Each structure stands twice: as C-alpha cells, then as structure tokens.
Amino acid sequence: MAAYGALAVGLINLRYQTGADQNLLKSLALIIPGTLLLSISFIEAGKKWLATKAAAQAVTAIWVLLLLYSFIV
C-alpha cells in the first residue's frame, strides 16, 4: 500500500505542478522509491522480507517521510 501511495502521490505531483521549477526531479523523488518498493513486492525474496516486522517498520517510516516530502514540495 505504501508503494502505491508514493507512486500515486509522485504522479499526481508531476501533473499538478506542471511548469514548476525542478518539478520532474521533485516528483521522481517520490516515484522512484514507490516503483522500487512495488517491484520488491513481486520478487519472492522481497515478499519474505516485506513480511518481517522490521521491514514493515522501515517501509512505514520511509512512506511517512515521502508523504511529508510531498506536502513540502
């Protein structure tokens, strides 16, 4: 869910801030981590890692930081 959230927020940011300075780089800071996390969820080893409590905490922390970043930019 965090991967979809980061990816969606990045794509929405890209669309609604068209013409803004450095918009692509700001949006890619959200899109790339979301895409990577989504990709990890399709790999068997990634699925096992994501099932751990440590991974859940790490993903949640990263997602919160990305969400906060999306409101700042």
C-alpha atoms as a PDB file:
ATOM      1  CA  MET A   1       0.000   0.000   0.000  1.00  0.00           C
ATOM      2  CA  ALA A   2       2.887   2.371   0.746  1.00  0.00           C
ATOM      3  CA  ALA A   3       4.344   1.724  -2.710  1.00  0.00           C
ATOM      4  CA  TYR A   4       1.083   2.593  -4.425  1.00  0.00           C
ATOM      5  CA  GLY A   5       0.747   5.676  -2.230  1.00  0.00           C
ATOM      6  CA  ALA A   6       4.220   7.011  -3.024  1.00  0.00           C
ATOM      7  CA  LEU A   7       3.847   6.256  -6.712  1.00  0.00           C
ATOM      8  CA  ALA A   8       0.409   7.891  -6.918  1.00  0.00           C
ATOM      9  CA  VAL A   9       1.461  10.994  -4.996  1.00  0.00           C
ATOM     10  CA  GLY A  10       4.516  11.366  -7.232  1.00  0.00           C
ATOM     11  CA  LEU A  11       2.447  11.097 -10.405  1.00  0.00           C
ATOM     12  CA  ILE A  12      -0.174  13.497  -9.064  1.00  0.00           C
ATOM     13  CA  ASN A  13       2.561  15.938  -8.076  1.00  0.00           C
ATOM     14  CA  LEU A  14       4.067  15.672 -11.554  1.00  0.00           C
ATOM     15  CA  ARG A  15       0.750  16.515 -13.197  1.00  0.00           C
ATOM     16  CA  TYR A  16      -0.472  19.308 -10.951  1.00  0.00           C
ATOM     17  CA  GLN A  17       2.816  21.171 -10.710  1.00  0.00           C
ATOM     18  CA  THR A  18       3.448  21.241 -14.457  1.00  0.00           C
ATOM     19  CA  GLY A  19       5.736  24.135 -15.283  1.00  0.00           C
ATOM     20  CA  ALA A  20       7.091  24.476 -11.748  1.00  0.00           C
ATOM     21  CA  ASP A  21      10.848  24.708 -11.301  1.00  0.00           C
ATOM     22  CA  GLN A  22      12.565  21.280 -10.935  1.00  0.00           C
ATOM     23  CA  ASN A  23       9.174  19.520 -10.963  1.00  0.00           C
ATOM     24  CA  LEU A  24      10.436  16.333 -12.596  1.00  0.00           C
ATOM     25  CA  LEU A  25      13.207  15.825 -10.045  1.00  0.00           C
ATOM     26  CA  LYS A  26      10.857  16.522  -7.132  1.00  0.00           C
ATOM     27  CA  SER A  27       8.304  14.072  -8.481  1.00  0.00           C
ATOM     28  CA  LEU A  28      10.924  11.405  -9.230  1.00  0.00           C
ATOM     29  CA  ALA A  29      11.945  11.556  -5.565  1.00  0.00           C
ATOM     30  CA  LEU A  30       8.504  10.081  -4.889  1.00  0.00           C
ATOM     31  CA  ILE A  31       8.023   7.930  -7.983  1.00  0.00           C
ATOM     32  CA  ILE A  32      11.333   6.028  -7.838  1.00  0.00           C
ATOM     33  CA  PRO A  33      11.021   4.737  -4.235  1.00  0.00           C
ATOM     34  CA  GLY A  34       7.395   3.787  -4.891  1.00  0.00           C
ATOM     35  CA  THR A  35       8.338   1.889  -8.036  1.00  0.00           C
ATOM     36  CA  LEU A  36      11.235   0.134  -6.304  1.00  0.00           C
ATOM     37  CA  LEU A  37       9.087  -0.936  -3.384  1.00  0.00           C
ATOM     38  CA  LEU A  38       6.365  -2.151  -5.712  1.00  0.00           C
ATOM     39  CA  SER A  39       8.975  -4.119  -7.674  1.00  0.00           C
ATOM     40  CA  ILE A  40      10.318  -5.713  -4.491  1.00  0.00           C
ATOM     41  CA  SER A  41       6.825  -6.965  -3.667  1.00  0.00           C
ATOM     42  CA  PHE A  42       6.811  -9.097  -6.834  1.00  0.00           C
ATOM     43  CA  ILE A  43      10.109 -10.873  -6.052  1.00  0.00           C
ATOM     44  CA  GLU A  44       9.940 -13.954  -3.819  1.00  0.00           C
ATOM     45  CA  ALA A  45      12.792 -12.820  -1.568  1.00  0.00           C
ATOM     46  CA  GLY A  46      11.212  -9.380  -1.381  1.00  0.00           C
ATOM     47  CA  LYS A  47       7.889 -10.861  -0.297  1.00  0.00           C
ATOM     48  CA  LYS A  48       9.598 -12.734   2.517  1.00  0.00           C
ATOM     49  CA  TRP A  49      11.465  -9.610   3.615  1.00  0.00           C
ATOM     50  CA  LEU A  50       8.322  -7.460   3.490  1.00  0.00           C
ATOM     51  CA  ALA A  51       6.571  -9.960   5.770  1.00  0.00           C
ATOM     52  CA  THR A  52       9.002  -9.202   8.614  1.00  0.00           C
ATOM     53  CA  LYS A  53       8.262  -6.701  11.341  1.00  0.00           C
ATOM     54  CA  ALA A  54      11.485  -4.793  10.673  1.00  0.00           C
ATOM     55  CA  ALA A  55      10.550  -4.331   7.019  1.00  0.00           C
ATOM     56  CA  ALA A  56       7.080  -3.126   7.960  1.00  0.00           C
ATOM     57  CA  GLN A  57       8.580  -0.532  10.278  1.00  0.00           C
ATOM     58  CA  ALA A  58      11.143   0.573   7.687  1.00  0.00           C
ATOM     59  CA  VAL A  59       8.572   0.837   4.909  1.00  0.00           C
ATOM     60  CA  THR A  60       6.194   2.766   7.167  1.00  0.00           C
ATOM     61  CA  ALA A  61       8.935   5.204   8.173  1.00  0.00           C
ATOM     62  CA  ILE A  62      10.016   5.740   4.566  1.00  0.00           C
ATOM     63  CA  TRP A  63       6.409   6.183   3.458  1.00  0.00           C
ATOM     64  CA  VAL A  64       5.749   8.785   6.148  1.00  0.00           C
ATOM     65  CA  LEU A  65       8.882  10.694   5.123  1.00  0.00           C
ATOM     66  CA  LEU A  66       7.878  10.568   1.456  1.00  0.00           C
ATOM     67  CA  LEU A  67       4.371  11.719   2.294  1.00  0.00           C
ATOM     68  CA  LEU A  68       5.714  14.636   4.326  1.00  0.00           C
ATOM     69  CA  TYR A  69       8.068  15.490   1.463  1.00  0.00           C
ATOM     70  CA  SER A  70       5.133  15.509  -0.950  1.00  0.00           C
ATOM     71  CA  PHE A  71       3.390  18.169   1.134  1.00  0.00           C
ATOM     72  CA  ILE A  72       6.540  20.285   1.361  1.00  0.00           C
ATOM     73  CA  VAL A  73       7.210  20.372  -2.377  1.00  0.00           C
END
